[in-house]
Amino acid sequence: MTNQLHANLSALRLTWMRDNLDDELAHALSHERSHPAFIERLIQGEVADKHSRSTERRLRAAKLPFRATLAAFDFSWPVTINTALVRSLFTLDFMRDHANIILIGNVGLGKTHLATALCQQACEQRKNVRFISAAELINELETARAGGYLGQALKRYHRIDLLAIDELGYLPVDKRGAELLFQVLSGRYERASTIITTNRVYKDWTSTFANDTAMTAAVLDRVVHHCYTVRITGKSRRKHEALEHDL
């Protein structure tokens, strides 16, 4: 009967139950568990395993630069940061409202860490996530345009539950690249949340968007309308650690 049960569990794709059935049965007998308790424990194990596998698939699809958590962020390092606001963002309520997050600050202050941790949290909540640098996003869309499938590529980015665009403003963007970024942000407006990390305050975004004041105004209108802005100031943590290492 056990062999047939294993086969049936495989057919139903209940792989955790199949792989752990014998151990769980022995555990139930040794602890004199009731049949309902035994079944409940099997079901809980299967659900937890499926959730873990689903999360791992989403994390791989998100292409995070590294794994990060809020707990690993050192709030004592920046000179200024709105700690209460940052912590509240990890409820992910902003996603329900289709609001955006803009993390502004110089290099080495943890903007990418916070963006990555938010993306990881969203993956764990079964959201579809993508993390990408601004330069990589533009290059990907340029390739799509050249290949004649730009519309498909834009639709894919419009549908993602949470899109994180890293390092906006670090490299110059020409007018065509700026237009592609605008199409992504415009298509996500009030449909899905976007996280942006940047070293430029809003008044300097014109230089990011090819010095096109009209396009910049249109971008800001869509990005900042429903938005949480987190300003981080201080000295670069990476530079400090590199200097200490050289001593």
C-alpha atoms as a PDB file:
ATOM      1  CA  MET A   1       0.000   0.000   0.000  1.00  0.00           C
ATOM      2  CA  THR A   2       2.856   2.373   0.814  1.00  0.00           C
ATOM      3  CA  ASN A   3       4.342   1.972  -2.690  1.00  0.00           C
ATOM      4  CA  GLN A   4       0.976   2.753  -4.250  1.00  0.00           C
ATOM      5  CA  LEU A   5       0.570   5.749  -1.933  1.00  0.00           C
ATOM      6  CA  HIS A   6       3.997   7.046  -2.973  1.00  0.00           C
ATOM      7  CA  ALA A   7       2.987   6.642  -6.619  1.00  0.00           C
ATOM      8  CA  ASN A   8      -0.292   8.481  -6.060  1.00  0.00           C
ATOM      9  CA  LEU A   9       1.444  11.336  -4.262  1.00  0.00           C
ATOM     10  CA  SER A  10       3.887  11.603  -7.173  1.00  0.00           C
ATOM     11  CA  ALA A  11       1.002  11.686  -9.633  1.00  0.00           C
ATOM     12  CA  LEU A  12      -0.558  14.519  -7.631  1.00  0.00           C
ATOM     13  CA  ARG A  13       2.823  16.302  -7.462  1.00  0.00           C
ATOM     14  CA  LEU A  14       2.751  16.234  -3.663  1.00  0.00           C
ATOM     15  CA  THR A  15       6.483  15.686  -3.578  1.00  0.00           C
ATOM     16  CA  TRP A  16       7.138  16.734   0.025  1.00  0.00           C
ATOM     17  CA  MET A  17       4.456  14.328   1.261  1.00  0.00           C
ATOM     18  CA  ARG A  18       5.927  11.554  -0.891  1.00  0.00           C
ATOM     19  CA  ASP A  19       9.497  12.135   0.276  1.00  0.00           C
ATOM     20  CA  ASN A  20       8.600  12.508   3.958  1.00  0.00           C
ATOM     21  CA  LEU A  21       5.714  10.052   4.259  1.00  0.00           C
ATOM     22  CA  ASP A  22       7.660   7.232   5.936  1.00  0.00           C
ATOM     23  CA  ASP A  23       9.353   9.550   8.464  1.00  0.00           C
ATOM     24  CA  GLU A  24       6.088  11.294   9.274  1.00  0.00           C
ATOM     25  CA  LEU A  25       4.283   7.983   9.672  1.00  0.00           C
ATOM     26  CA  ALA A  26       6.978   6.750  12.075  1.00  0.00           C
ATOM     27  CA  HIS A  27       6.766  10.048  13.962  1.00  0.00           C
ATOM     28  CA  ALA A  28       2.976   9.766  14.219  1.00  0.00           C
ATOM     29  CA  LEU A  29       3.162   6.184  15.531  1.00  0.00           C
ATOM     30  CA  SER A  30       5.871   6.970  18.092  1.00  0.00           C
ATOM     31  CA  HIS A  31       3.967  10.010  19.374  1.00  0.00           C
ATOM     32  CA  GLU A  32       0.572   8.312  19.142  1.00  0.00           C
ATOM     33  CA  ARG A  33      -0.798  11.067  16.938  1.00  0.00           C
ATOM     34  CA  SER A  34      -4.374  10.860  15.703  1.00  0.00           C
ATOM     35  CA  HIS A  35      -5.115  10.373  12.021  1.00  0.00           C
ATOM     36  CA  PRO A  36      -6.299  14.005  11.606  1.00  0.00           C
ATOM     37  CA  ALA A  37      -3.124  15.285  13.312  1.00  0.00           C
ATOM     38  CA  PHE A  38      -0.967  13.098  11.045  1.00  0.00           C
ATOM     39  CA  ILE A  39      -2.748  14.356   7.912  1.00  0.00           C
ATOM     40  CA  GLU A  40      -2.567  17.975   9.082  1.00  0.00           C
ATOM     41  CA  ARG A  41       1.184  17.701   9.660  1.00  0.00           C
ATOM     42  CA  LEU A  42       1.660  16.249   6.167  1.00  0.00           C
ATOM     43  CA  ILE A  43      -0.398  19.032   4.603  1.00  0.00           C
ATOM     44  CA  GLN A  44       1.478  21.750   6.521  1.00  0.00           C
ATOM     45  CA  GLY A  45       4.789  20.303   5.337  1.00  0.00           C
ATOM     46  CA  GLU A  46       3.619  20.252   1.720  1.00  0.00           C
ATOM     47  CA  VAL A  47       2.307  23.820   1.875  1.00  0.00           C
ATOM     48  CA  ALA A  48       5.533  25.101   3.462  1.00  0.00           C
ATOM     49  CA  ASP A  49       7.634  23.305   0.852  1.00  0.00           C
ATOM     50  CA  LYS A  50       5.574  24.668  -2.047  1.00  0.00           C
ATOM     51  CA  HIS A  51       5.813  28.188  -0.622  1.00  0.00           C
ATOM     52  CA  SER A  52       9.587  27.838  -0.245  1.00  0.00           C
ATOM     53  CA  ARG A  53       9.966  26.577  -3.809  1.00  0.00           C
ATOM     54  CA  SER A  54       7.705  29.327  -5.150  1.00  0.00           C
ATOM     55  CA  THR A  55       9.685  31.987  -3.291  1.00  0.00           C
ATOM     56  CA  GLU A  56      12.969  30.625  -4.598  1.00  0.00           C
ATOM     57  CA  ARG A  57      11.652  30.689  -8.189  1.00  0.00           C
ATOM     58  CA  ARG A  58      10.526  34.275  -7.760  1.00  0.00           C
ATOM     59  CA  LEU A  59      13.866  35.279  -6.261  1.00  0.00           C
ATOM     60  CA  ARG A  60      15.722  33.780  -9.218  1.00  0.00           C
ATOM     61  CA  ALA A  61      13.360  35.479 -11.690  1.00  0.00           C
ATOM     62  CA  ALA A  62      13.819  38.808  -9.898  1.00  0.00           C
ATOM     63  CA  LYS A  63      17.579  38.707 -10.612  1.00  0.00           C
ATOM     64  CA  LEU A  64      18.486  40.387  -7.342  1.00  0.00           C
ATOM     65  CA  PRO A  65      22.135  41.485  -7.095  1.00  0.00           C
ATOM     66  CA  PHE A  66      22.358  39.727  -3.701  1.00  0.00           C
ATOM     67  CA  ARG A  67      20.108  38.532  -0.894  1.00  0.00           C
ATOM     68  CA  ALA A  68      19.262  41.262   1.616  1.00  0.00           C
ATOM     69  CA  THR A  69      16.992  41.870   4.586  1.00  0.00           C
ATOM     70  CA  LEU A  70      15.881  44.876   6.579  1.00  0.00           C
ATOM     71  CA  ALA A  71      17.448  43.326   9.692  1.00  0.00           C
ATOM     72  CA  ALA A  72      20.877  43.440   8.023  1.00  0.00           C
ATOM     73  CA  PHE A  73      20.663  47.187   7.292  1.00  0.00           C
ATOM     74  CA  ASP A  74      22.721  49.370   9.634  1.00  0.00           C
ATOM     75  CA  PHE A  75      20.539  52.378  10.453  1.00  0.00           C
ATOM     76  CA  SER A  76      23.313  53.856  12.605  1.00  0.00           C
ATOM     77  CA  TRP A  77      25.614  54.527   9.646  1.00  0.00           C
ATOM     78  CA  PRO A  78      23.765  57.240   7.646  1.00  0.00           C
ATOM     79  CA  VAL A  79      23.790  60.743   9.091  1.00  0.00           C
ATOM     80  CA  THR A  80      20.127  61.153   8.193  1.00  0.00           C
ATOM     81  CA  ILE A  81      17.492  58.600   7.228  1.00  0.00           C
ATOM     82  CA  ASN A  82      13.802  58.366   8.083  1.00  0.00           C
ATOM     83  CA  THR A  83      14.000  55.073   9.966  1.00  0.00           C
ATOM     84  CA  ALA A  84      10.297  54.908  10.795  1.00  0.00           C
ATOM     85  CA  LEU A  85       9.330  55.431   7.156  1.00  0.00           C
ATOM     86  CA  VAL A  86      11.774  52.805   5.908  1.00  0.00           C
ATOM     87  CA  ARG A  87      10.541  50.228   8.400  1.00  0.00           C
ATOM     88  CA  SER A  88       6.917  50.944   7.490  1.00  0.00           C
ATOM     89  CA  LEU A  89       7.633  50.329   3.800  1.00  0.00           C
ATOM     90  CA  PHE A  90       8.437  46.703   4.591  1.00  0.00           C
ATOM     91  CA  THR A  91       4.757  46.043   5.284  1.00  0.00           C
ATOM     92  CA  LEU A  92       4.493  46.348   1.467  1.00  0.00           C
ATOM     93  CA  ASP A  93       1.293  48.379   1.860  1.00  0.00           C
ATOM     94  CA  PHE A  94       2.688  50.746  -0.779  1.00  0.00           C
ATOM     95  CA  MET A  95       2.251  47.986  -3.356  1.00  0.00           C
ATOM     96  CA  ARG A  96      -1.446  47.705  -2.586  1.00  0.00           C
ATOM     97  CA  ASP A  97      -1.751  51.429  -3.346  1.00  0.00           C
ATOM     98  CA  HIS A  98       0.501  51.192  -6.449  1.00  0.00           C
ATOM     99  CA  ALA A  99       2.768  53.794  -4.863  1.00  0.00           C
ATOM    100  CA  ASN A 100       6.446  54.250  -5.726  1.00  0.00           C
ATOM    101  CA  ILE A 101       9.587  54.505  -3.601  1.00  0.00           C
ATOM    102  CA  ILE A 102      12.497  56.794  -4.460  1.00  0.00           C
ATOM    103  CA  LEU A 103      15.726  56.244  -2.521  1.00  0.00           C
ATOM    104  CA  ILE A 104      17.989  59.286  -2.919  1.00  0.00           C
ATOM    105  CA  GLY A 105      21.581  59.517  -1.697  1.00  0.00           C
ATOM    106  CA  ASN A 106      25.234  59.290  -2.593  1.00  0.00           C
ATOM    107  CA  VAL A 107      27.032  56.003  -3.181  1.00  0.00           C
ATOM    108  CA  GLY A 108      27.714  53.583  -0.335  1.00  0.00           C
ATOM    109  CA  LEU A 109      24.777  54.524   1.886  1.00  0.00           C
ATOM    110  CA  GLY A 110      22.657  51.398   1.427  1.00  0.00           C
ATOM    111  CA  LYS A 111      20.107  52.444  -1.204  1.00  0.00           C
ATOM    112  CA  THR A 112      20.625  49.275  -3.220  1.00  0.00           C
ATOM    113  CA  HIS A 113      20.512  47.162  -0.059  1.00  0.00           C
ATOM    114  CA  LEU A 114      17.119  48.586   0.915  1.00  0.00           C
ATOM    115  CA  ALA A 115      15.742  48.238  -2.616  1.00  0.00           C
ATOM    116  CA  THR A 116      16.960  44.639  -2.777  1.00  0.00           C
ATOM    117  CA  ALA A 117      15.524  43.813   0.643  1.00  0.00           C
ATOM    118  CA  LEU A 118      12.131  45.221  -0.377  1.00  0.00           C
ATOM    119  CA  CYS A 119      12.219  43.126  -3.542  1.00  0.00           C
ATOM    120  CA  GLN A 120      13.118  40.025  -1.545  1.00  0.00           C
ATOM    121  CA  GLN A 121      10.254  40.706   0.860  1.00  0.00           C
ATOM    122  CA  ALA A 122       7.871  41.021  -2.086  1.00  0.00           C
ATOM    123  CA  CYS A 123       9.082  37.705  -3.538  1.00  0.00           C
ATOM    124  CA  GLU A 124       8.359  36.068  -0.191  1.00  0.00           C
ATOM    125  CA  GLN A 125       4.830  37.480  -0.435  1.00  0.00           C
ATOM    126  CA  ARG A 126       4.393  35.792  -3.842  1.00  0.00           C
ATOM    127  CA  LYS A 127       4.759  38.937  -5.914  1.00  0.00           C
ATOM    128  CA  ASN A 128       6.409  39.049  -9.337  1.00  0.00           C
ATOM    129  CA  VAL A 129       9.528  41.182  -9.034  1.00  0.00           C
ATOM    130  CA  ARG A 130      12.360  42.400 -11.266  1.00  0.00           C
ATOM    131  CA  PHE A 131      15.521  44.212 -10.164  1.00  0.00           C
ATOM    132  CA  ILE A 132      17.576  45.904 -12.887  1.00  0.00           C
ATOM    133  CA  SER A 133      19.951  48.845 -13.253  1.00  0.00           C
ATOM    134  CA  ALA A 134      18.797  51.816 -15.317  1.00  0.00           C
ATOM    135  CA  ALA A 135      21.604  51.259 -17.829  1.00  0.00           C
ATOM    136  CA  GLU A 136      20.792  47.551 -18.202  1.00  0.00           C
ATOM    137  CA  LEU A 137      17.100  48.316 -18.631  1.00  0.00           C
ATOM    138  CA  ILE A 138      17.788  50.815 -21.412  1.00  0.00           C
ATOM    139  CA  ASN A 139      20.154  48.409 -23.174  1.00  0.00           C
ATOM    140  CA  GLU A 140      17.593  45.620 -22.954  1.00  0.00           C
ATOM    141  CA  LEU A 141      14.869  47.820 -24.428  1.00  0.00           C
ATOM    142  CA  GLU A 142      17.188  49.106 -27.151  1.00  0.00           C
ATOM    143  CA  THR A 143      17.838  45.496 -28.145  1.00  0.00           C
ATOM    144  CA  ALA A 144      14.093  44.837 -28.156  1.00  0.00           C
ATOM    145  CA  ARG A 145      13.514  47.877 -30.357  1.00  0.00           C
ATOM    146  CA  ALA A 146      16.192  46.772 -32.805  1.00  0.00           C
ATOM    147  CA  GLY A 147      14.697  43.280 -32.858  1.00  0.00           C
ATOM    148  CA  GLY A 148      11.161  44.523 -33.460  1.00  0.00           C
ATOM    149  CA  TYR A 149       9.671  43.338 -30.161  1.00  0.00           C
ATOM    150  CA  LEU A 150       9.795  46.512 -28.083  1.00  0.00           C
ATOM    151  CA  GLY A 151       6.031  46.398 -27.458  1.00  0.00           C
ATOM    152  CA  GLN A 152       6.316  42.944 -25.914  1.00  0.00           C
ATOM    153  CA  ALA A 153       9.240  43.982 -23.740  1.00  0.00           C
ATOM    154  CA  LEU A 154       7.406  47.059 -22.467  1.00  0.00           C
ATOM    155  CA  LYS A 155       4.272  45.049 -21.682  1.00  0.00           C
ATOM    156  CA  ARG A 156       6.374  42.629 -19.652  1.00  0.00           C
ATOM    157  CA  TYR A 157       7.768  45.489 -17.558  1.00  0.00           C
ATOM    158  CA  HIS A 158       4.349  47.077 -17.216  1.00  0.00           C
ATOM    159  CA  ARG A 159       2.900  43.859 -15.735  1.00  0.00           C
ATOM    160  CA  ILE A 160       5.566  43.198 -13.078  1.00  0.00           C
ATOM    161  CA  ASP A 161       4.183  43.694  -9.557  1.00  0.00           C
ATOM    162  CA  LEU A 162       7.336  45.426  -8.293  1.00  0.00           C
ATOM    163  CA  LEU A 163      10.079  46.840 -10.510  1.00  0.00           C
ATOM    164  CA  ALA A 164      13.303  48.152  -8.976  1.00  0.00           C
ATOM    165  CA  ILE A 165      15.413  50.428 -11.187  1.00  0.00           C
ATOM    166  CA  ASP A 166      18.852  50.849  -9.652  1.00  0.00           C
ATOM    167  CA  GLU A 167      21.373  53.642 -10.158  1.00  0.00           C
ATOM    168  CA  LEU A 168      19.229  56.071 -12.129  1.00  0.00           C
ATOM    169  CA  GLY A 169      21.339  59.128 -12.936  1.00  0.00           C
ATOM    170  CA  TYR A 170      24.763  57.531 -12.421  1.00  0.00           C
ATOM    171  CA  LEU A 171      25.425  57.283 -16.158  1.00  0.00           C
ATOM    172  CA  PRO A 172      24.375  59.755 -18.875  1.00  0.00           C
ATOM    173  CA  VAL A 173      21.271  58.800 -20.841  1.00  0.00           C
ATOM    174  CA  ASP A 174      20.680  59.953 -24.396  1.00  0.00           C
ATOM    175  CA  LYS A 175      17.274  61.091 -25.647  1.00  0.00           C
ATOM    176  CA  ARG A 176      16.304  57.678 -27.003  1.00  0.00           C
ATOM    177  CA  GLY A 177      17.233  55.993 -23.736  1.00  0.00           C
ATOM    178  CA  ALA A 178      15.320  58.612 -21.786  1.00  0.00           C
ATOM    179  CA  GLU A 179      12.254  57.995 -23.947  1.00  0.00           C
ATOM    180  CA  LEU A 180      12.456  54.258 -23.228  1.00  0.00           C
ATOM    181  CA  LEU A 181      12.638  54.868 -19.473  1.00  0.00           C
ATOM    182  CA  PHE A 182       9.677  57.208 -19.769  1.00  0.00           C
ATOM    183  CA  GLN A 183       7.639  54.524 -21.552  1.00  0.00           C
ATOM    184  CA  VAL A 184       8.359  52.040 -18.757  1.00  0.00           C
ATOM    185  CA  LEU A 185       7.464  54.472 -15.976  1.00  0.00           C
ATOM    186  CA  SER A 186       4.434  55.849 -17.799  1.00  0.00           C
ATOM    187  CA  GLY A 187       3.056  52.363 -18.432  1.00  0.00           C
ATOM    188  CA  ARG A 188       3.367  51.458 -14.742  1.00  0.00           C
ATOM    189  CA  TYR A 189       1.728  54.659 -13.483  1.00  0.00           C
ATOM    190  CA  GLU A 190      -1.058  53.786 -11.016  1.00  0.00           C
ATOM    191  CA  ARG A 191      -0.860  50.146 -12.131  1.00  0.00           C
ATOM    192  CA  ALA A 192       2.143  48.826 -10.211  1.00  0.00           C
ATOM    193  CA  SER A 193       4.867  50.014  -7.859  1.00  0.00           C
ATOM    194  CA  THR A 194       8.370  51.023  -8.852  1.00  0.00           C
ATOM    195  CA  ILE A 195      11.435  51.491  -6.660  1.00  0.00           C
ATOM    196  CA  ILE A 196      14.155  53.833  -7.949  1.00  0.00           C
ATOM    197  CA  THR A 197      17.576  54.371  -6.419  1.00  0.00           C
ATOM    198  CA  THR A 198      19.363  57.532  -7.510  1.00  0.00           C
ATOM    199  CA  ASN A 199      22.113  59.928  -6.515  1.00  0.00           C
ATOM    200  CA  ARG A 200      20.179  62.907  -7.863  1.00  0.00           C
ATOM    201  CA  VAL A 201      17.561  65.000  -6.102  1.00  0.00           C
ATOM    202  CA  TYR A 202      14.429  65.730  -8.114  1.00  0.00           C
ATOM    203  CA  LYS A 203      15.522  69.161  -9.300  1.00  0.00           C
ATOM    204  CA  ASP A 204      18.525  67.563 -11.019  1.00  0.00           C
ATOM    205  CA  TRP A 205      16.568  64.889 -12.897  1.00  0.00           C
ATOM    206  CA  THR A 206      16.539  66.971 -16.086  1.00  0.00           C
ATOM    207  CA  SER A 207      20.157  66.008 -16.735  1.00  0.00           C
ATOM    208  CA  THR A 208      19.169  62.356 -16.263  1.00  0.00           C
ATOM    209  CA  PHE A 209      16.519  62.610 -18.969  1.00  0.00           C
ATOM    210  CA  ALA A 210      18.697  64.060 -21.737  1.00  0.00           C
ATOM    211  CA  ASN A 211      18.098  67.661 -20.575  1.00  0.00           C
ATOM    212  CA  ASP A 212      14.538  67.420 -21.882  1.00  0.00           C
ATOM    213  CA  THR A 213      12.522  69.551 -19.457  1.00  0.00           C
ATOM    214  CA  ALA A 214       9.146  68.480 -20.840  1.00  0.00           C
ATOM    215  CA  MET A 215       9.957  64.773 -20.565  1.00  0.00           C
ATOM    216  CA  THR A 216      11.430  65.230 -17.094  1.00  0.00           C
ATOM    217  CA  ALA A 217       8.303  67.028 -15.941  1.00  0.00           C
ATOM    218  CA  ALA A 218       6.161  64.200 -17.335  1.00  0.00           C
ATOM    219  CA  VAL A 219       8.309  61.561 -15.594  1.00  0.00           C
ATOM    220  CA  LEU A 220       8.221  63.370 -12.252  1.00  0.00           C
ATOM    221  CA  ASP A 221       4.476  63.883 -12.552  1.00  0.00           C
ATOM    222  CA  ARG A 222       3.972  60.119 -12.816  1.00  0.00           C
ATOM    223  CA  VAL A 223       6.672  58.950 -10.421  1.00  0.00           C
ATOM    224  CA  VAL A 224       6.132  61.415  -7.576  1.00  0.00           C
ATOM    225  CA  HIS A 225       2.317  61.516  -7.663  1.00  0.00           C
ATOM    226  CA  HIS A 226       2.013  58.485  -5.344  1.00  0.00           C
ATOM    227  CA  CYS A 227       5.476  58.228  -3.876  1.00  0.00           C
ATOM    228  CA  TYR A 228       7.511  57.746  -0.703  1.00  0.00           C
ATOM    229  CA  THR A 229      10.809  59.616  -0.894  1.00  0.00           C
ATOM    230  CA  VAL A 230      13.658  58.421   1.329  1.00  0.00           C
ATOM    231  CA  ARG A 231      16.620  60.808   1.538  1.00  0.00           C
ATOM    232  CA  ILE A 232      19.812  59.255   2.904  1.00  0.00           C
ATOM    233  CA  THR A 233      22.858  61.366   3.727  1.00  0.00           C
ATOM    234  CA  GLY A 234      26.275  60.547   5.102  1.00  0.00           C
ATOM    235  CA  LYS A 235      29.616  59.123   4.044  1.00  0.00           C
ATOM    236  CA  SER A 236      30.089  56.049   1.893  1.00  0.00           C
ATOM    237  CA  ARG A 237      30.223  52.866   3.982  1.00  0.00           C
ATOM    238  CA  ARG A 238      32.117  51.036   1.248  1.00  0.00           C
ATOM    239  CA  LYS A 239      34.751  53.772   0.996  1.00  0.00           C
ATOM    240  CA  HIS A 240      35.162  53.797   4.783  1.00  0.00           C
ATOM    241  CA  GLU A 241      35.620  50.013   4.890  1.00  0.00           C
ATOM    242  CA  ALA A 242      38.115  50.130   2.000  1.00  0.00           C
ATOM    243  CA  LEU A 243      40.190  52.789   3.773  1.00  0.00           C
ATOM    244  CA  GLU A 244      40.165  50.787   6.992  1.00  0.00           C
ATOM    245  CA  HIS A 245      41.279  47.703   5.094  1.00  0.00           C
ATOM    246  CA  ASP A 246      44.279  49.615   3.664  1.00  0.00           C
ATOM    247  CA  LEU A 247      45.442  50.740   7.114  1.00  0.00           C
END
